[in-house]
Amino acid sequence: MITDIKRLHLGCGKNTLPGWMNLDKMPIDGVEIIADLDNCKTEKLPFPDNEIDEFYLYRST
């Protein structure tokens, strides 16, 4: 049984989720990680490979 699940909410905007690491390109209240998903091909996200257990992405542009 996994006890320390790491969940990443990508492109959260103002809709941050409790219990998730909230990532957005804008420094909005509740956003813990600031990164631009458009640059993922050239700049890795700040996590080691295989670090995240679950991802959530909804209507991110």
PDB file of N, CA and C in Angstrom:
ATOM      1  N   MET A   1       0.836  -1.179   0.000  1.00  0.00           N
ATOM      2  CA  MET A   1       0.000   0.000   0.000  1.00  0.00           C
ATOM      3  C   MET A   1       0.885   1.248   0.000  1.00  0.00           C
ATOM      4  N   ILE A   2       0.588   2.181  -0.905  1.00  0.00           N
ATOM      5  CA  ILE A   2       1.342   3.425  -0.989  1.00  0.00           C
ATOM      6  C   ILE A   2       0.814   4.393   0.062  1.00  0.00           C
ATOM      7  N   THR A   3       1.702   4.918   0.891  1.00  0.00           N
ATOM      8  CA  THR A   3       1.263   5.845   1.935  1.00  0.00           C
ATOM      9  C   THR A   3       1.604   7.290   1.611  1.00  0.00           C
ATOM     10  N   ASP A   4       2.668   7.519   0.880  1.00  0.00           N
ATOM     11  CA  ASP A   4       3.082   8.877   0.539  1.00  0.00           C
ATOM     12  C   ASP A   4       2.912   9.122  -0.954  1.00  0.00           C
ATOM     13  N   ILE A   5       1.674   9.225  -1.401  1.00  0.00           N
ATOM     14  CA  ILE A   5       1.397   9.450  -2.814  1.00  0.00           C
ATOM     15  C   ILE A   5       1.700  10.908  -3.140  1.00  0.00           C
ATOM     16  N   LYS A   6       2.473  11.127  -4.195  1.00  0.00           N
ATOM     17  CA  LYS A   6       2.786  12.483  -4.637  1.00  0.00           C
ATOM     18  C   LYS A   6       1.906  12.808  -5.830  1.00  0.00           C
ATOM     19  N   ARG A   7       1.067  13.830  -5.638  1.00  0.00           N
ATOM     20  CA  ARG A   7       0.100  14.220  -6.665  1.00  0.00           C
ATOM     21  C   ARG A   7       0.453  15.610  -7.187  1.00  0.00           C
ATOM     22  N   LEU A   8       0.428  15.763  -8.509  1.00  0.00           N
ATOM     23  CA  LEU A   8       0.783  17.030  -9.132  1.00  0.00           C
ATOM     24  C   LEU A   8      -0.385  17.539  -9.963  1.00  0.00           C
ATOM     25  N   HIS A   9      -0.864  18.725  -9.622  1.00  0.00           N
ATOM     26  CA  HIS A   9      -1.945  19.391 -10.342  1.00  0.00           C
ATOM     27  C   HIS A   9      -1.308  20.381 -11.310  1.00  0.00           C
ATOM     28  N   LEU A  10      -1.315  20.050 -12.585  1.00  0.00           N
ATOM     29  CA  LEU A  10      -0.654  20.847 -13.618  1.00  0.00           C
ATOM     30  C   LEU A  10      -1.557  21.961 -14.129  1.00  0.00           C
ATOM     31  N   GLY A  11      -1.026  23.178 -14.241  1.00  0.00           N
ATOM     32  CA  GLY A  11      -1.786  24.301 -14.780  1.00  0.00           C
ATOM     33  C   GLY A  11      -2.991  24.645 -13.941  1.00  0.00           C
ATOM     34  N   CYS A  12      -2.828  24.699 -12.633  1.00  0.00           N
ATOM     35  CA  CYS A  12      -3.959  24.829 -11.714  1.00  0.00           C
ATOM     36  C   CYS A  12      -4.634  26.192 -11.748  1.00  0.00           C
ATOM     37  N   GLY A  13      -3.891  27.254 -12.061  1.00  0.00           N
ATOM     38  CA  GLY A  13      -4.483  28.592 -11.985  1.00  0.00           C
ATOM     39  C   GLY A  13      -4.957  28.868 -10.573  1.00  0.00           C
ATOM     40  N   LYS A  14      -6.152  29.449 -10.446  1.00  0.00           N
ATOM     41  CA  LYS A  14      -6.714  29.759  -9.121  1.00  0.00           C
ATOM     42  C   LYS A  14      -7.381  28.550  -8.472  1.00  0.00           C
ATOM     43  N   ASN A  15      -7.516  27.446  -9.212  1.00  0.00           N
ATOM     44  CA  ASN A  15      -8.215  26.253  -8.726  1.00  0.00           C
ATOM     45  C   ASN A  15      -7.236  25.262  -8.105  1.00  0.00           C
ATOM     46  N   THR A  16      -6.614  25.650  -7.010  1.00  0.00           N
ATOM     47  CA  THR A  16      -5.668  24.761  -6.344  1.00  0.00           C
ATOM     48  C   THR A  16      -6.412  23.651  -5.607  1.00  0.00           C
ATOM     49  N   LEU A  17      -5.766  22.511  -5.488  1.00  0.00           N
ATOM     50  CA  LEU A  17      -6.369  21.352  -4.833  1.00  0.00           C
ATOM     51  C   LEU A  17      -5.624  21.025  -3.547  1.00  0.00           C
ATOM     52  N   PRO A  18      -6.349  20.876  -2.433  1.00  0.00           N
ATOM     53  CA  PRO A  18      -5.692  20.466  -1.192  1.00  0.00           C
ATOM     54  C   PRO A  18      -5.122  19.053  -1.323  1.00  0.00           C
ATOM     55  N   GLY A  19      -3.953  18.835  -0.767  1.00  0.00           N
ATOM     56  CA  GLY A  19      -3.322  17.523  -0.836  1.00  0.00           C
ATOM     57  C   GLY A  19      -2.554  17.283  -2.123  1.00  0.00           C
ATOM     58  N   TRP A  20      -2.560  18.250  -3.017  1.00  0.00           N
ATOM     59  CA  TRP A  20      -1.844  18.158  -4.282  1.00  0.00           C
ATOM     60  C   TRP A  20      -0.758  19.225  -4.318  1.00  0.00           C
ATOM     61  N   MET A  21       0.318  18.979  -5.079  1.00  0.00           N
ATOM     62  CA  MET A  21       1.297  20.018  -5.384  1.00  0.00           C
ATOM     63  C   MET A  21       0.724  20.770  -6.582  1.00  0.00           C
ATOM     64  N   ASN A  22       0.442  22.036  -6.395  1.00  0.00           N
ATOM     65  CA  ASN A  22      -0.203  22.835  -7.430  1.00  0.00           C
ATOM     66  C   ASN A  22       0.848  23.598  -8.224  1.00  0.00           C
ATOM     67  N   LEU A  23       0.833  23.407  -9.548  1.00  0.00           N
ATOM     68  CA  LEU A  23       1.818  24.003 -10.438  1.00  0.00           C
ATOM     69  C   LEU A  23       1.122  24.916 -11.428  1.00  0.00           C
ATOM     70  N   ASP A  24       1.676  26.104 -11.620  1.00  0.00           N
ATOM     71  CA  ASP A  24       1.175  27.032 -12.628  1.00  0.00           C
ATOM     72  C   ASP A  24       2.325  27.931 -13.051  1.00  0.00           C
ATOM     73  N   LYS A  25       2.168  28.598 -14.192  1.00  0.00           N
ATOM     74  CA  LYS A  25       3.225  29.506 -14.628  1.00  0.00           C
ATOM     75  C   LYS A  25       3.100  30.877 -13.979  1.00  0.00           C
ATOM     76  N   MET A  26       1.988  31.135 -13.308  1.00  0.00           N
ATOM     77  CA  MET A  26       1.764  32.412 -12.634  1.00  0.00           C
ATOM     78  C   MET A  26       1.904  32.240 -11.123  1.00  0.00           C
ATOM     79  N   PRO A  27       2.517  33.199 -10.439  1.00  0.00           N
ATOM     80  CA  PRO A  27       2.658  33.124  -8.973  1.00  0.00           C
ATOM     81  C   PRO A  27       1.368  33.533  -8.265  1.00  0.00           C
ATOM     82  N   ILE A  28       0.408  32.633  -8.254  1.00  0.00           N
ATOM     83  CA  ILE A  28      -0.912  32.861  -7.663  1.00  0.00           C
ATOM     84  C   ILE A  28      -0.927  32.245  -6.268  1.00  0.00           C
ATOM     85  N   ASP A  29      -1.722  32.818  -5.351  1.00  0.00           N
ATOM     86  CA  ASP A  29      -1.861  32.237  -4.013  1.00  0.00           C
ATOM     87  C   ASP A  29      -2.230  30.764  -4.118  1.00  0.00           C
ATOM     88  N   GLY A  30      -1.539  29.925  -3.382  1.00  0.00           N
ATOM     89  CA  GLY A  30      -1.810  28.494  -3.366  1.00  0.00           C
ATOM     90  C   GLY A  30      -0.963  27.699  -4.339  1.00  0.00           C
ATOM     91  N   VAL A  31      -0.282  28.380  -5.261  1.00  0.00           N
ATOM     92  CA  VAL A  31       0.601  27.705  -6.216  1.00  0.00           C
ATOM     93  C   VAL A  31       1.959  27.509  -5.553  1.00  0.00           C
ATOM     94  N   GLU A  32       2.367  26.252  -5.401  1.00  0.00           N
ATOM     95  CA  GLU A  32       3.653  25.952  -4.764  1.00  0.00           C
ATOM     96  C   GLU A  32       4.806  25.899  -5.762  1.00  0.00           C
ATOM     97  N   ILE A  33       4.503  25.512  -7.006  1.00  0.00           N
ATOM     98  CA  ILE A  33       5.551  25.317  -8.006  1.00  0.00           C
ATOM     99  C   ILE A  33       5.234  26.194  -9.213  1.00  0.00           C
ATOM    100  N   ILE A  34       6.160  27.076  -9.545  1.00  0.00           N
ATOM    101  CA  ILE A  34       5.971  27.946 -10.700  1.00  0.00           C
ATOM    102  C   ILE A  34       6.832  27.407 -11.834  1.00  0.00           C
ATOM    103  N   ALA A  35       6.161  27.000 -12.912  1.00  0.00           N
ATOM    104  CA  ALA A  35       6.852  26.463 -14.088  1.00  0.00           C
ATOM    105  C   ALA A  35       5.921  26.612 -15.283  1.00  0.00           C
ATOM    106  N   ASP A  36       6.490  26.834 -16.449  1.00  0.00           N
ATOM    107  CA  ASP A  36       5.719  27.002 -17.675  1.00  0.00           C
ATOM    108  C   ASP A  36       5.700  25.678 -18.434  1.00  0.00           C
ATOM    109  N   LEU A  37       4.532  25.091 -18.571  1.00  0.00           N
ATOM    110  CA  LEU A  37       4.414  23.797 -19.251  1.00  0.00           C
ATOM    111  C   LEU A  37       4.785  23.885 -20.728  1.00  0.00           C
ATOM    112  N   ASP A  38       4.704  25.089 -21.315  1.00  0.00           N
ATOM    113  CA  ASP A  38       5.092  25.253 -22.718  1.00  0.00           C
ATOM    114  C   ASP A  38       6.585  25.020 -22.931  1.00  0.00           C
ATOM    115  N   ASN A  39       7.373  25.093 -21.874  1.00  0.00           N
ATOM    116  CA  ASN A  39       8.826  24.937 -21.989  1.00  0.00           C
ATOM    117  C   ASN A  39       9.327  23.557 -21.571  1.00  0.00           C
ATOM    118  N   CYS A  40       8.440  22.604 -21.377  1.00  0.00           N
ATOM    119  CA  CYS A  40       8.845  21.282 -20.867  1.00  0.00           C
ATOM    120  C   CYS A  40       9.825  20.542 -21.779  1.00  0.00           C
ATOM    121  N   LYS A  41       9.802  20.835 -23.056  1.00  0.00           N
ATOM    122  CA  LYS A  41      10.740  20.148 -23.955  1.00  0.00           C
ATOM    123  C   LYS A  41      12.174  20.609 -23.735  1.00  0.00           C
ATOM    124  N   THR A  42      12.350  21.854 -23.299  1.00  0.00           N
ATOM    125  CA  THR A  42      13.699  22.387 -23.111  1.00  0.00           C
ATOM    126  C   THR A  42      14.083  22.550 -21.645  1.00  0.00           C
ATOM    127  N   GLU A  43      13.094  22.680 -20.762  1.00  0.00           N
ATOM    128  CA  GLU A  43      13.350  22.839 -19.330  1.00  0.00           C
ATOM    129  C   GLU A  43      12.544  21.802 -18.561  1.00  0.00           C
ATOM    130  N   LYS A  44      13.228  20.892 -17.904  1.00  0.00           N
ATOM    131  CA  LYS A  44      12.534  19.850 -17.145  1.00  0.00           C
ATOM    132  C   LYS A  44      11.797  20.461 -15.966  1.00  0.00           C
ATOM    133  N   LEU A  45      10.710  19.821 -15.578  1.00  0.00           N
ATOM    134  CA  LEU A  45      10.024  20.219 -14.353  1.00  0.00           C
ATOM    135  C   LEU A  45      10.933  19.892 -13.169  1.00  0.00           C
ATOM    136  N   PRO A  46      10.748  20.574 -12.043  1.00  0.00           N
ATOM    137  CA  PRO A  46      11.688  20.415 -10.923  1.00  0.00           C
ATOM    138  C   PRO A  46      11.469  19.153 -10.088  1.00  0.00           C
ATOM    139  N   PHE A  47      11.434  18.001 -10.758  1.00  0.00           N
ATOM    140  CA  PHE A  47      11.241  16.723 -10.073  1.00  0.00           C
ATOM    141  C   PHE A  47      12.166  15.681 -10.681  1.00  0.00           C
ATOM    142  N   PRO A  48      12.665  14.764  -9.875  1.00  0.00           N
ATOM    143  CA  PRO A  48      13.406  13.631 -10.440  1.00  0.00           C
ATOM    144  C   PRO A  48      12.464  12.743 -11.262  1.00  0.00           C
ATOM    145  N   ASP A  49      13.006  11.975 -12.174  1.00  0.00           N
ATOM    146  CA  ASP A  49      12.198  11.031 -12.949  1.00  0.00           C
ATOM    147  C   ASP A  49      11.474  10.075 -12.006  1.00  0.00           C
ATOM    148  N   ASN A  50      10.257   9.714 -12.360  1.00  0.00           N
ATOM    149  CA  ASN A  50       9.423   8.756 -11.620  1.00  0.00           C
ATOM    150  C   ASN A  50       9.094   9.210 -10.195  1.00  0.00           C
ATOM    151  N   GLU A  51       9.082  10.496  -9.948  1.00  0.00           N
ATOM    152  CA  GLU A  51       8.817  11.044  -8.615  1.00  0.00           C
ATOM    153  C   GLU A  51       7.315  11.192  -8.331  1.00  0.00           C
ATOM    154  N   ILE A  52       6.519  11.464  -9.372  1.00  0.00           N
ATOM    155  CA  ILE A  52       5.099  11.773  -9.208  1.00  0.00           C
ATOM    156  C   ILE A  52       4.266  10.517  -9.450  1.00  0.00           C
ATOM    157  N   ASP A  53       3.302  10.289  -8.548  1.00  0.00           N
ATOM    158  CA  ASP A  53       2.428   9.119  -8.661  1.00  0.00           C
ATOM    159  C   ASP A  53       1.162   9.411  -9.459  1.00  0.00           C
ATOM    160  N   GLU A  54       0.619  10.616  -9.320  1.00  0.00           N
ATOM    161  CA  GLU A  54      -0.620  10.988 -10.008  1.00  0.00           C
ATOM    162  C   GLU A  54      -0.497  12.401 -10.562  1.00  0.00           C
ATOM    163  N   PHE A  55      -1.084  12.594 -11.751  1.00  0.00           N
ATOM    164  CA  PHE A  55      -1.140  13.910 -12.382  1.00  0.00           C
ATOM    165  C   PHE A  55      -2.594  14.294 -12.586  1.00  0.00           C
ATOM    166  N   TYR A  56      -2.875  15.592 -12.534  1.00  0.00           N
ATOM    167  CA  TYR A  56      -4.207  16.095 -12.858  1.00  0.00           C
ATOM    168  C   TYR A  56      -4.034  17.325 -13.731  1.00  0.00           C
ATOM    169  N   LEU A  57      -4.692  17.336 -14.881  1.00  0.00           N
ATOM    170  CA  LEU A  57      -4.655  18.462 -15.804  1.00  0.00           C
ATOM    171  C   LEU A  57      -6.049  18.617 -16.379  1.00  0.00           C
ATOM    172  N   TYR A  58      -6.619  19.812 -16.232  1.00  0.00           N
ATOM    173  CA  TYR A  58      -7.973  20.049 -16.721  1.00  0.00           C
ATOM    174  C   TYR A  58      -8.043  21.441 -17.322  1.00  0.00           C
ATOM    175  N   ARG A  59      -8.328  21.504 -18.593  1.00  0.00           N
ATOM    176  CA  ARG A  59      -8.532  22.764 -19.310  1.00  0.00           C
ATOM    177  C   ARG A  59      -7.389  23.755 -19.157  1.00  0.00           C
ATOM    178  N   SER A  60      -6.210  23.285 -19.237  1.00  0.00           N
ATOM    179  CA  SER A  60      -5.050  24.175 -19.194  1.00  0.00           C
ATOM    180  C   SER A  60      -4.698  24.569 -20.618  1.00  0.00           C
ATOM    181  N   THR A  61      -4.428  25.856 -20.823  1.00  0.00           N
ATOM    182  CA  THR A  61      -4.077  26.317 -22.177  1.00  0.00           C
ATOM    183  C   THR A  61      -2.699  26.905 -22.195  1.00  0.00           C
TER     184      THR A  61
END
